[in-house]
Amino acid sequence: MAVRGLALRLGRGESREIAIECSATVRPSQVRICEIVGPMDVRLKVDHNKLRILIRVGDSSRLNPLMLLKLTCGDDVYYIGVLPLGPRARRATIRRALKDLPEFSVGAPGVLAFQGGLFLSYRWRNGDKARGELLEIAVDSGDLLFRNVIKRFKKTDYGYWSFEKSSFATNGEEIAFLYCADTGETWKIFKCVSQSPLEIDLPGKVLISNAKDPAILYDNSKKSYVIVYSNLRKLGHDLVVATSRDLKQLTTLSEGLAWNQFAAQGNRWAKTHIHAGHISKIGKYYVLLYDALPRSPSCFGSGWLGIAISANLREWIDLTPDNPLWTGHGPDRTFRYVTIDISAGRYALFAEEEGESGRKDLVVYTS
């Protein structure tokens, strides 16, 4: 039995037909829809060893971070993920990098819905000398442009060399804010726990050393946190998945996701600069948005979007083994550090995206 993953982008009210080559000739009776997670209509047609699947996303239903279809075709099992943002998705620039040069960027976002407010964290990379100079937190006023900055942290105030990605989670009572910084010794992930975003203050406490770019989720069903991060000791800074009830002791459930599990599923492009952007849960499945690059051509400060799912945080199915799902423009086609919010009944995807000049801006796509 082969297990295969596939992902596509399809907006609200849009439809698309895809074709899958099954490993052997199958009869219609051998094709079965096992599970549909999210508002989708699915139609199947079998033609010898080719399975044609027509997928339509609902017009006005509340959308999941990812819609998911599981089906069998003979002895093969397919998981098809649908990111509900198609070509008609609306795009807005939240922050523009300070200079129109490839070494300038703003992004690496984290997003938090808390007590009726929406908060966004992001870092400013102001050239190769200044690097990740500032880490800010802003609050939305309803237009997803986050004009009101409520926190601004300067790397020099803490003796850091650079900031990079940050991430929030809440258990409903308190907020866990994770960020990473180059301390000069190594990259470390720090935790700050507070009662509100206004009370977040640095430096916090070291959570993980030789690590960077955390994504965090509070899993209500398990009463524990899920943390995915880049391990600097692994090839390509490969990903580690860990859990913790108290953000003091971490239990590692899987590591080396790209080089071990994704590669075994045929992924040849996710080899270096591997980052976690977002971890969420839909039904029984955990959804990981990651970004990575192939070894060649070489580029720095970039990444392309991939997606993986898991039912247990140990075994992962890569939905993008053949190609990244989303890339930007410019020399390196950067589209990385993707995170999602669906708290207000709309779908908002935040990313660090490269333009034609190579400058990387913080943008939001909505459906």
Foldseek 3Di string as FASTA:
>chain_A
DAEAAAEAEAAAFGKDKDKDFAPFFADPVQKDWDDKFAAKDWDWDHDGRMIIIMIGHHHQAQGDCWIWTWMGTHPYIYIYIYRHFDPPWDKDFLWFFPDLAQQWFKALKAWDDAPNWIKIWIFTQNGPQQGRFKIWMFIDPPPPNRPGTLDIDGCVVVQFSHWHHKYWEDPRQKIWIWTWTHNVVAIFIAIFIGRDPNPTDDDHGTLGTQWHAKAWYQDPVVQKMWIKTFRNVDFQSWIWIWIGNPSRDIDTQETPCCVPQLVVNQAQFAGHPKHWQYWDDGVQKIKTWIWGGHPPPDDPPATAIWMWMDNPRRHIHTNARPHGHAFAEADRRGWGSWYWDSPVSWTKIWTFHADNSNYTTIMIIID
